[in-house]
């Protein structure tokens, strides 16, 4: 999640992925979806997490990754 946060802050534009073998990360992904429903996480930030069930599929999705534009949450000049 630290690396995902760095992407959200614009420190890098690399994909972040989960290799979800046999549904291991299903609970975590449900939590992220719930966080979106509760407006705690922005949908564009959730889309930064690439999920696949095989290494080949994950690498293929990495290859086609286009980073979301980063929008600042807080403007320090106005706060």
Protein backbone atom coordinates (compact mmCIF):
# COMPACT_ATOMS: atom_id res chain seq x y z
CA UNK A 1 0.00 0.00 0.00
CA UNK A 2 2.93 2.36 0.50
CA UNK A 3 3.93 1.97 -3.15
CA UNK A 4 0.29 2.49 -4.18
CA UNK A 5 0.21 5.67 -2.07
CA UNK A 6 3.34 6.88 -3.82
CA UNK A 7 1.56 6.40 -7.16
CA UNK A 8 -1.47 8.30 -5.84
CA UNK A 9 0.82 11.16 -4.82
CA UNK A 10 2.52 11.18 -8.22
CA UNK A 11 5.93 10.00 -6.99
CA UNK A 12 5.94 7.33 -9.71
CA UNK A 13 3.75 6.16 -12.57
CA UNK A 14 4.41 2.43 -12.36
CA UNK A 15 1.64 -0.15 -12.07
CA UNK A 16 0.84 -1.81 -8.75
CA UNK A 17 -0.48 -5.33 -9.01
CA UNK A 18 -1.87 -8.25 -7.07
CA UNK A 19 -1.46 -11.83 -8.20
CA UNK A 20 -4.76 -13.14 -6.87
CA UNK A 21 -4.17 -16.89 -6.90
CA UNK A 22 -7.23 -18.92 -5.84
CA UNK A 23 -8.95 -15.76 -4.59
CA UNK A 24 -6.36 -15.07 -1.90
CA UNK A 25 -6.86 -11.29 -2.15
CA UNK A 26 -10.66 -11.35 -2.65
CA UNK A 27 -11.27 -9.99 0.85
CA UNK A 28 -8.78 -7.16 0.36
CA UNK A 29 -10.34 -6.25 -2.99
CA UNK A 30 -13.81 -6.26 -1.42
CA UNK A 31 -12.50 -3.93 1.27
CA UNK A 32 -11.14 -1.54 -1.37
CA UNK A 33 -14.47 -1.61 -3.21
CA UNK A 34 -16.28 -0.91 0.07
CA UNK A 35 -13.91 2.02 0.71
CA UNK A 36 -14.99 3.44 -2.66
CA UNK A 37 -18.66 2.98 -1.81
CA UNK A 38 -18.06 4.89 1.44
CA UNK A 39 -16.19 7.61 -0.50
CA UNK A 40 -12.98 6.97 1.43
CA UNK A 41 -11.07 5.96 -1.74
CA UNK A 42 -11.48 7.53 -5.16
CA UNK A 43 -12.37 5.10 -7.99
CA UNK A 44 -9.40 6.32 -10.05
CA UNK A 45 -7.09 5.34 -7.18
CA UNK A 46 -8.66 1.87 -7.03
CA UNK A 47 -8.02 1.49 -10.76
CA UNK A 48 -4.29 1.80 -10.03
CA UNK A 49 -4.40 -1.71 -8.52
CA UNK A 50 -4.08 -4.25 -11.32
CA UNK A 51 -5.38 -7.72 -10.47
CA UNK A 52 -4.89 -10.99 -12.33
CA UNK A 53 -5.00 -14.69 -11.51
CA UNK A 54 -1.90 -15.73 -13.45
CA UNK A 55 1.58 -14.25 -13.74
CA UNK A 56 1.32 -14.01 -17.54
CA UNK A 57 -2.00 -12.15 -17.35
CA UNK A 58 -0.63 -9.76 -14.72
CA UNK A 59 2.46 -8.98 -16.79
CA UNK A 60 0.28 -8.45 -19.86
CA UNK A 61 -1.88 -5.99 -17.94
CA UNK A 62 1.26 -4.24 -16.68
CA UNK A 63 2.38 -3.86 -20.28
CA UNK A 64 -0.85 -2.09 -21.22
CA UNK A 65 -1.01 0.07 -18.09
CA UNK A 66 -1.72 3.76 -18.55
CA UNK A 67 -1.38 5.72 -15.29
CA UNK A 68 -4.28 7.85 -14.11
CA UNK A 69 -3.63 11.57 -13.89
CA UNK A 70 -2.82 12.59 -10.33
CA UNK A 71 -5.00 15.28 -8.81
CA UNK A 72 -3.85 16.91 -5.59
CA UNK A 73 -6.17 16.32 -2.62
CA UNK A 74 -4.91 19.35 -0.71
CA UNK A 75 -3.56 22.61 -2.08
CA UNK A 76 -1.09 23.81 0.55
CA UNK A 77 -1.23 27.32 -0.90
CA UNK A 78 -4.89 27.71 0.05
CA UNK A 79 -5.00 25.82 3.36
